[in-house]
Amino acid sequence: MSLVTPLMNLNERPPVKFVSGKGSWLQDSEGRRYLDFIQGWAVNCLGHSPSVLVEAISSQASRLMTPSPAYHSETTLALADRLRACSGFDQVNLVNSGAEANEAAIKLTRKWGAQNKGGAFRIITFENGFHGRTLATMSACGKPAFDALYEPKVPGFDRVPFNDLAAVEAAISKDTVAIMLEPIQGEGGVVAATECFLQGLRALADEHQLLLVFDEVQTGIGRTGELFAYQLFGVTPDVITLGKGLGGGIAIAAMLAKNHCCCFEPGDQGSTFGGNPLSAAAANAVLDIVANPTFLAQAQANGAALRRVLEQVSQRFGLGEVRGQGLLLALNTHGSSTVDAFQLEAACFELGLLVNGLRHNLLRVMAALNFTVEELQLFEQRLIQGIEQLLAEKD
């Protein structure tokens, strides 16, 4: 059963309408509450409608929402300074979505290649990678479902296996300008790059005069327990992209780059709503909380606790490994026992728990960074109930 609406049929949605949310909880139009461990696909890093975000947005909306990108605003400049200071990058391009940030990174690397590397334009990307849904970012993706869509794709992307340094080296040519990847593939199955692989990419980029681009749209802003995932691996890219958690539920994203590759000039890149004061106020409010070392330490503790719960559930039912980092985790539901993750997502929904079936064998969890002990206990109870129901139906 589904709702009949004028919305284009882009997603399969259950027939409920959510009307409010607070913290780890959503409520539908019938008054039923759901424990949300998806949080907008890793968007609501502080949960639904946190008071600090509501207050920041309300205060900014009463003063100035957007003067157009033709003019500076105090709030936007404050965010740019904040991102530069906490990231170690030099310049910031504020946009609206992760896909737009990645599109900006593609443009920047290609212009840099035109100016500094004899017109080099090809970018090495990875199988099962995901960078967004613009035509160029879909072309950069390694998602098999995109292969036949919207042909012809944007040329200039060379796709190689993830965590395979030899394949990357073999793909480098005189026309290669950059290597672009997620430190942890989210849509690709919550698969982390190895530290050795990322260090090898940095070395190859330096050796061949390439730019290294990290797509941290899903991994950034505390999701892995560090403010940025690259800090986990001790490898600094030349360009980084952010989105999702940056606005805590408000649409804002960013591309950050080191000075040596910042080659945009006026007119090269733009965005009507990019970095408007309203969204910038939201991002500043998020960073007030998430960039605090005490908060990050608690997020790390929450990530470790959630991993323990998933591992215990897996052991109890004979399922598979838990993969990922921090609060970007996935449970392999195929082990000595087998549970279909899509069916488990549906069963949990009926029990009032929101989780994400990513593959038939993978259940992804992207909770708020600040969930409570009681909420984690309830998550465990409802997940166990869902698994037990499915296993009982198979007997």
Protein backbone atom coordinates (compact mmCIF):
# COMPACT_ATOMS: atom_id res chain seq x y z
CA MET A 1 0.00 0.00 0.00
CA SER A 2 1.29 3.48 -0.83
CA LEU A 3 -0.03 7.01 -0.62
CA VAL A 4 -1.25 8.60 -3.85
CA THR A 5 0.46 11.99 -4.09
CA PRO A 6 1.51 14.44 -6.82
CA LEU A 7 5.18 13.70 -6.04
CA MET A 8 7.13 12.00 -8.83
CA ASN A 9 7.75 8.34 -8.08
CA LEU A 10 11.41 8.59 -7.08
CA ASN A 11 11.39 6.58 -3.85
CA GLU A 12 9.42 3.72 -2.39
CA ARG A 13 7.94 5.14 0.79
CA PRO A 14 5.73 3.55 3.47
CA PRO A 15 2.18 4.92 3.67
CA VAL A 16 2.71 7.21 6.67
CA LYS A 17 3.14 10.97 6.96
CA PHE A 18 5.61 12.30 9.50
CA VAL A 19 4.57 15.53 11.17
CA SER A 20 7.14 16.14 13.92
CA GLY A 21 10.46 15.00 15.28
CA LYS A 22 12.62 15.55 18.33
CA GLY A 23 16.00 14.03 18.99
CA SER A 24 15.97 10.36 18.01
CA TRP A 25 12.19 10.27 17.55
CA LEU A 26 9.74 10.89 14.71
CA GLN A 27 5.97 11.06 15.02
CA ASP A 28 3.45 10.41 12.25
CA SER A 29 0.05 11.96 11.59
CA GLU A 30 -1.65 9.17 13.57
CA GLY A 31 0.41 9.93 16.66
CA ARG A 32 2.69 6.89 16.41
CA ARG A 33 6.33 7.40 17.41
CA TYR A 34 9.36 5.85 15.68
CA LEU A 35 12.92 5.51 16.96
CA ASP A 36 14.95 6.92 14.08
CA PHE A 37 18.37 5.33 13.51
CA ILE A 38 18.55 6.59 9.91
CA GLN A 39 18.33 10.33 10.64
CA GLY A 40 17.81 11.49 7.09
CA TRP A 41 20.65 9.26 5.81
CA ALA A 42 23.24 10.64 8.24
CA VAL A 43 21.95 14.21 7.97
CA ASN A 44 20.57 14.97 11.44
CA CYS A 45 23.80 14.65 13.39
CA LEU A 46 22.16 16.21 16.49
CA GLY A 47 18.83 14.47 15.97
CA HIS A 48 15.55 16.02 14.88
CA SER A 49 14.94 19.72 15.56
CA PRO A 50 17.58 20.28 18.27
CA SER A 51 16.88 23.47 20.20
CA VAL A 52 20.24 25.04 19.34
CA LEU A 53 19.50 24.68 15.64
CA VAL A 54 15.91 25.89 15.92
CA GLU A 55 17.05 28.96 17.84
CA ALA A 56 19.88 29.74 15.41
CA ILE A 57 17.62 29.47 12.36
CA SER A 58 14.82 31.50 13.96
CA SER A 59 17.19 34.24 15.03
CA GLN A 60 18.87 34.43 11.62
CA ALA A 61 15.54 34.34 9.74
CA SER A 62 14.36 37.38 11.65
CA ARG A 63 17.41 39.35 10.49
CA LEU A 64 18.56 38.20 7.05
CA MET A 65 17.95 35.06 4.98
CA THR A 66 19.84 35.77 1.75
CA PRO A 67 21.30 38.94 0.23
CA SER A 68 22.36 36.96 -2.91
CA PRO A 69 25.84 35.53 -3.43
CA ALA A 70 26.84 38.85 -5.02
CA TYR A 71 27.35 40.22 -1.49
CA HIS A 72 29.08 39.18 1.70
CA SER A 73 27.15 38.32 4.83
CA GLU A 74 28.57 38.26 8.33
CA THR A 75 27.13 34.82 9.12
CA THR A 76 28.48 33.22 5.95
CA LEU A 77 31.96 34.64 6.45
CA ALA A 78 31.93 33.37 10.03
CA LEU A 79 31.15 29.86 8.77
CA ALA A 80 33.91 29.99 6.15
CA ASP A 81 36.43 31.07 8.78
CA ARG A 82 35.18 28.33 11.09
CA LEU A 83 35.54 25.61 8.46
CA ARG A 84 39.00 26.80 7.51
CA ALA A 85 40.14 26.81 11.13
CA CYS A 86 38.80 23.39 12.11
CA SER A 87 39.73 21.59 8.89
CA GLY A 88 43.19 22.90 8.03
CA PHE A 89 42.10 23.74 4.48
CA ASP A 90 42.52 27.23 3.06
CA GLN A 91 39.50 28.20 0.94
CA VAL A 92 35.81 27.32 1.06
CA ASN A 93 33.06 27.09 -1.58
CA LEU A 94 29.62 26.89 0.04
CA VAL A 95 26.84 25.18 -1.90
CA ASN A 96 23.55 23.38 -1.19
CA SER A 97 24.10 19.62 -1.45
CA GLY A 98 26.79 16.99 -1.41
CA ALA A 99 26.34 16.37 -5.12
CA GLU A 100 26.86 20.07 -5.81
CA ALA A 101 29.98 20.09 -3.64
CA ASN A 102 31.38 17.12 -5.56
CA GLU A 103 30.48 18.76 -8.87
CA ALA A 104 32.44 21.81 -7.71
CA ALA A 105 35.41 19.57 -6.85
CA ILE A 106 35.31 18.04 -10.34
CA LYS A 107 35.28 21.51 -11.90
CA LEU A 108 38.14 22.70 -9.70
CA THR A 109 40.38 19.73 -10.47
CA ARG A 110 39.74 20.04 -14.22
CA LYS A 111 40.50 23.75 -14.25
CA TRP A 112 43.64 23.08 -12.23
CA GLY A 113 44.64 20.43 -14.77
CA ALA A 114 44.08 22.86 -17.63
CA GLN A 115 46.32 25.43 -15.99
CA ASN A 116 48.99 23.24 -14.43
CA LYS A 117 49.11 19.86 -16.14
CA GLY A 118 48.81 20.37 -19.88
CA GLY A 119 45.03 20.04 -20.01
CA ALA A 120 44.81 16.87 -17.92
CA PHE A 121 41.15 16.18 -17.07
CA ARG A 122 40.62 12.51 -16.25
CA ILE A 123 39.67 11.56 -12.70
CA ILE A 124 40.17 8.12 -11.18
CA THR A 125 37.14 6.98 -9.18
CA PHE A 126 36.14 3.66 -7.65
CA GLU A 127 33.79 0.74 -8.10
CA ASN A 128 30.75 1.09 -5.82
CA GLY A 129 31.63 4.70 -5.06
CA PHE A 130 28.85 7.26 -4.72
CA HIS A 131 29.22 11.00 -5.30
CA GLY A 132 25.70 12.26 -6.01
CA ARG A 133 23.03 12.49 -8.69
CA THR A 134 24.00 15.32 -11.00
CA LEU A 135 25.01 14.04 -14.42
CA ALA A 136 28.71 14.56 -13.74
CA THR A 137 28.64 13.05 -10.26
CA MET A 138 26.63 10.06 -11.48
CA SER A 139 29.30 9.62 -14.15
CA ALA A 140 31.90 9.59 -11.40
CA CYS A 141 29.96 7.01 -9.37
CA GLY A 142 30.70 3.32 -9.39
CA LYS A 143 27.12 2.35 -8.61
CA PRO A 144 26.09 -0.40 -11.07
CA ALA A 145 22.45 0.77 -11.15
CA PHE A 146 23.60 4.07 -12.69
CA ASP A 147 25.48 2.48 -15.59
CA ALA A 148 22.60 2.51 -18.09
CA LEU A 149 20.91 5.71 -16.91
CA TYR A 150 21.00 9.04 -18.75
CA GLU A 151 23.44 8.08 -21.46
CA PRO A 152 25.72 9.48 -22.68
CA LYS A 153 27.47 10.13 -19.39
CA VAL A 154 30.04 12.85 -18.81
CA PRO A 155 33.37 11.43 -20.06
CA GLY A 156 36.69 11.51 -18.27
CA PHE A 157 36.23 9.13 -15.31
CA ASP A 158 38.32 5.97 -14.93
CA ARG A 159 36.77 3.49 -12.49
CA VAL A 160 38.97 0.99 -10.65
CA PRO A 161 38.48 -1.48 -7.74
CA PHE A 162 38.41 0.02 -4.25
CA ASN A 163 41.42 -0.60 -1.97
CA ASP A 164 43.48 -1.77 -4.98
CA LEU A 165 46.53 0.48 -5.19
CA ALA A 166 48.04 -1.37 -8.15
CA ALA A 167 44.86 -0.78 -10.17
CA VAL A 168 45.02 2.94 -9.40
CA GLU A 169 48.64 3.14 -10.48
CA ALA A 170 47.86 1.28 -13.71
CA ALA A 171 45.04 3.72 -14.51
CA ILE A 172 47.21 6.84 -14.26
CA SER A 173 48.01 8.45 -17.59
CA LYS A 174 49.29 11.82 -18.81
CA ASP A 175 45.65 12.96 -18.88
CA THR A 176 44.94 12.06 -15.24
CA VAL A 177 44.38 15.06 -12.98
CA ALA A 178 42.88 13.66 -9.78
CA ILE A 179 41.86 10.69 -7.64
CA MET A 180 38.43 11.01 -6.01
CA LEU A 181 36.98 8.71 -3.34
CA GLU A 182 35.01 8.32 -0.13
CA PRO A 183 37.24 7.30 2.80
CA ILE A 184 34.36 4.99 3.75
CA GLN A 185 32.01 4.02 0.94
CA GLY A 186 28.51 4.63 2.28
CA GLU A 187 26.09 3.65 -0.48
CA GLY A 188 28.67 1.13 -1.65
CA GLY A 189 28.18 -1.00 1.44
CA VAL A 190 29.91 0.85 4.31
CA VAL A 191 33.34 -0.30 3.16
CA ALA A 192 36.31 1.53 4.65
CA ALA A 193 39.48 2.30 2.79
CA THR A 194 42.53 0.85 4.49
CA GLU A 195 45.08 3.23 5.96
CA CYS A 196 47.74 1.68 3.73
CA PHE A 197 45.59 2.29 0.66
CA LEU A 198 44.97 5.96 1.47
CA GLN A 199 48.63 6.53 2.27
CA GLY A 200 49.49 4.89 -1.05
CA LEU A 201 47.05 7.18 -2.88
CA ARG A 202 48.68 10.21 -1.28
CA ALA A 203 52.08 9.00 -2.42
CA LEU A 204 50.86 8.32 -5.98
CA ALA A 205 49.19 11.73 -6.14
CA ASP A 206 52.40 13.42 -5.05
CA GLU A 207 54.54 11.38 -7.44
CA HIS A 208 52.33 12.06 -10.48
CA GLN A 209 51.25 15.62 -9.67
CA LEU A 210 47.61 14.68 -9.07
CA LEU A 211 45.02 16.16 -6.75
CA LEU A 212 43.58 13.86 -4.07
CA VAL A 213 39.89 14.50 -3.39
CA PHE A 214 38.05 13.04 -0.40
CA ASP A 215 34.26 12.95 -0.60
CA GLU A 216 33.30 13.32 3.07
CA VAL A 217 29.66 14.19 2.44
CA GLN A 218 28.60 11.20 4.57
CA THR A 219 31.68 10.67 6.74
CA GLY A 220 32.30 14.30 7.77
CA ILE A 221 31.04 16.32 10.74
CA GLY A 222 31.65 13.77 13.48
CA ARG A 223 30.04 10.76 11.81
CA THR A 224 33.16 8.58 12.24
CA GLY A 225 34.08 9.89 15.70
CA GLU A 226 36.49 12.50 14.34
CA LEU A 227 35.31 15.79 12.89
CA PHE A 228 36.58 14.60 9.49
CA ALA A 229 37.28 11.01 8.51
CA TYR A 230 40.63 11.86 6.92
CA GLN A 231 41.88 12.53 10.47
CA LEU A 232 41.42 8.83 11.26
CA PHE A 233 43.90 7.79 8.60
CA GLY A 234 46.63 10.42 8.91
CA VAL A 235 46.24 11.30 5.22
CA THR A 236 45.40 14.86 4.17
CA PRO A 237 43.76 15.32 0.75
CA ASP A 238 44.04 18.43 -1.41
CA VAL A 239 40.27 18.83 -1.64
CA ILE A 240 37.47 17.71 0.68
CA THR A 241 33.70 17.87 0.23
CA LEU A 242 31.13 18.09 3.02
CA GLY A 243 27.33 17.95 3.20
CA LYS A 244 24.65 16.00 5.09
CA GLY A 245 25.59 16.58 8.74
CA LEU A 246 27.02 20.06 8.12
CA GLY A 247 23.58 21.66 8.38
CA GLY A 248 22.13 19.23 10.89
CA GLY A 249 18.97 18.96 8.79
CA ILE A 250 19.25 22.18 6.78
CA ALA A 251 20.52 22.03 3.19
CA ILE A 252 24.13 23.20 3.03
CA ALA A 253 27.35 21.68 1.72
CA ALA A 254 30.90 22.77 1.08
CA MET A 255 34.03 22.13 -0.92
CA LEU A 256 37.26 22.96 0.88
CA ALA A 257 40.65 23.09 -0.83
CA LYS A 258 44.31 23.85 -0.18
CA ASN A 259 45.67 27.09 -1.63
CA HIS A 260 47.85 25.34 -4.20
CA CYS A 261 44.81 24.08 -6.12
CA CYS A 262 42.41 27.00 -5.63
CA CYS A 263 42.19 28.31 -9.18
CA PHE A 264 38.57 29.51 -9.50
CA GLU A 265 38.06 33.04 -10.70
CA PRO A 266 34.86 35.15 -10.64
CA GLY A 267 32.29 33.56 -12.95
CA ASP A 268 33.81 30.06 -12.90
CA GLN A 269 31.52 28.67 -10.20
CA GLY A 270 28.38 29.88 -8.46
CA SER A 271 25.21 28.94 -6.62
CA THR A 272 22.15 31.13 -6.08
CA PHE A 273 21.47 29.84 -2.58
CA GLY A 274 24.95 28.53 -1.74
CA GLY A 275 26.09 29.60 1.72
CA ASN A 276 23.10 31.86 2.35
CA PRO A 277 23.01 33.28 5.89
CA LEU A 278 20.10 31.07 6.98
CA SER A 279 21.86 27.80 6.14
CA ALA A 280 25.19 29.20 7.35
CA ALA A 281 23.61 29.97 10.73
CA ALA A 282 22.51 26.34 10.93
CA ALA A 283 26.01 25.07 10.13
CA ASN A 284 27.57 27.42 12.68
CA ALA A 285 25.18 26.08 15.33
CA VAL A 286 26.08 22.50 14.41
CA LEU A 287 29.81 23.22 14.64
CA ASP A 288 29.33 24.92 18.01
CA ILE A 289 28.37 21.47 19.29
CA VAL A 290 30.06 18.89 17.09
CA ALA A 291 33.51 20.50 16.91
CA ASN A 292 33.76 20.41 20.71
CA PRO A 293 36.26 17.68 21.75
CA THR A 294 34.01 16.63 24.63
CA PHE A 295 31.10 16.05 22.27
CA LEU A 296 33.30 14.11 19.83
CA ALA A 297 34.52 11.91 22.68
CA GLN A 298 30.91 11.09 23.54
CA ALA A 299 30.13 10.41 19.88
CA GLN A 300 33.07 7.99 19.79
CA ALA A 301 31.72 6.26 22.90
CA ASN A 302 28.25 6.04 21.33
CA GLY A 303 29.74 4.56 18.18
CA ALA A 304 31.61 1.93 20.18
CA ALA A 305 28.45 1.08 22.15
CA LEU A 306 26.36 0.77 18.98
CA ARG A 307 28.99 -1.49 17.41
CA ARG A 308 28.94 -3.74 20.51
CA VAL A 309 25.16 -4.03 20.29
CA LEU A 310 25.29 -4.96 16.60
CA GLU A 311 28.06 -7.49 17.22
CA GLN A 312 26.10 -9.07 20.08
CA VAL A 313 22.97 -9.28 17.93
CA SER A 314 24.99 -10.82 15.12
CA GLN A 315 26.52 -13.41 17.45
CA ARG A 316 23.14 -14.23 18.96
CA PHE A 317 21.53 -15.03 15.62
CA GLY A 318 24.54 -16.26 13.65
CA LEU A 319 24.68 -13.30 11.31
CA GLY A 320 27.73 -11.69 9.69
CA GLU A 321 30.28 -8.99 10.37
CA VAL A 322 29.73 -5.41 11.52
CA ARG A 323 31.54 -2.95 9.30
CA GLY A 324 32.14 0.78 9.27
CA GLN A 325 33.44 3.35 11.70
CA GLY A 326 31.96 5.48 14.47
CA LEU A 327 28.26 6.00 13.82
CA LEU A 328 28.32 4.91 10.20
CA LEU A 329 27.85 1.16 10.60
CA ALA A 330 26.34 -1.77 8.75
CA LEU A 331 25.44 -5.30 9.83
CA ASN A 332 25.91 -8.15 7.37
CA THR A 333 22.67 -10.09 7.84
CA HIS A 334 23.96 -13.18 6.01
CA GLY A 335 25.97 -15.60 8.13
CA SER A 336 25.26 -19.13 9.35
CA SER A 337 21.72 -17.74 9.58
CA THR A 338 20.30 -15.52 6.85
CA VAL A 339 17.96 -12.56 7.20
CA ASP A 340 16.99 -10.36 4.28
CA ALA A 341 17.93 -6.80 5.23
CA PHE A 342 15.12 -5.24 3.20
CA GLN A 343 12.59 -7.46 4.97
CA LEU A 344 14.25 -6.61 8.29
CA GLU A 345 13.93 -2.89 7.54
CA ALA A 346 10.20 -3.39 6.92
CA ALA A 347 9.72 -5.52 10.04
CA CYS A 348 11.53 -2.95 12.18
CA PHE A 349 9.39 -0.18 10.71
CA GLU A 350 6.27 -1.97 11.92
CA LEU A 351 7.89 -2.20 15.35
CA GLY A 352 8.60 1.54 15.37
CA LEU A 353 12.31 1.43 14.48
CA LEU A 354 13.82 3.08 11.40
CA VAL A 355 16.90 1.38 9.91
CA ASN A 356 18.18 1.20 6.33
CA GLY A 357 18.30 -1.95 4.22
CA LEU A 358 21.19 -1.17 1.91
CA ARG A 359 21.55 -4.56 0.19
CA HIS A 360 19.75 -7.85 0.73
CA ASN A 361 22.59 -8.70 3.10
CA LEU A 362 23.38 -5.28 4.63
CA LEU A 363 21.51 -3.24 7.22
CA ARG A 364 22.90 0.28 7.61
CA VAL A 365 22.57 2.32 10.81
CA MET A 366 23.19 6.10 10.92
CA ALA A 367 21.88 7.28 14.29
CA ALA A 368 22.16 10.78 15.72
CA LEU A 369 25.58 11.28 17.28
CA ASN A 370 24.02 12.04 20.67
CA PHE A 371 21.49 9.23 21.25
CA THR A 372 20.90 8.12 24.85
CA VAL A 373 21.63 4.82 26.60
CA GLU A 374 17.89 4.19 26.85
CA GLU A 375 17.43 4.76 23.12
CA LEU A 376 20.23 2.31 22.33
CA GLN A 377 18.60 -0.29 24.55
CA LEU A 378 15.28 0.19 22.77
CA PHE A 379 17.06 -0.03 19.41
CA GLU A 380 18.51 -3.39 20.45
CA GLN A 381 15.16 -4.70 21.67
CA ARG A 382 13.29 -3.76 18.50
CA LEU A 383 16.04 -5.02 16.20
CA ILE A 384 16.01 -8.38 18.01
CA GLN A 385 12.22 -8.51 17.72
CA GLY A 386 12.41 -7.88 13.98
CA ILE A 387 15.00 -10.62 13.46
CA GLU A 388 13.06 -13.09 15.58
CA GLN A 389 9.90 -12.43 13.59
CA LEU A 390 11.63 -13.07 10.28
CA LEU A 391 13.37 -16.23 11.48
CA ALA A 392 10.08 -17.54 12.90
CA GLU A 393 8.38 -17.02 9.54
CA LYS A 394 11.07 -19.15 7.87
CA ASP A 395 10.57 -22.09 10.26
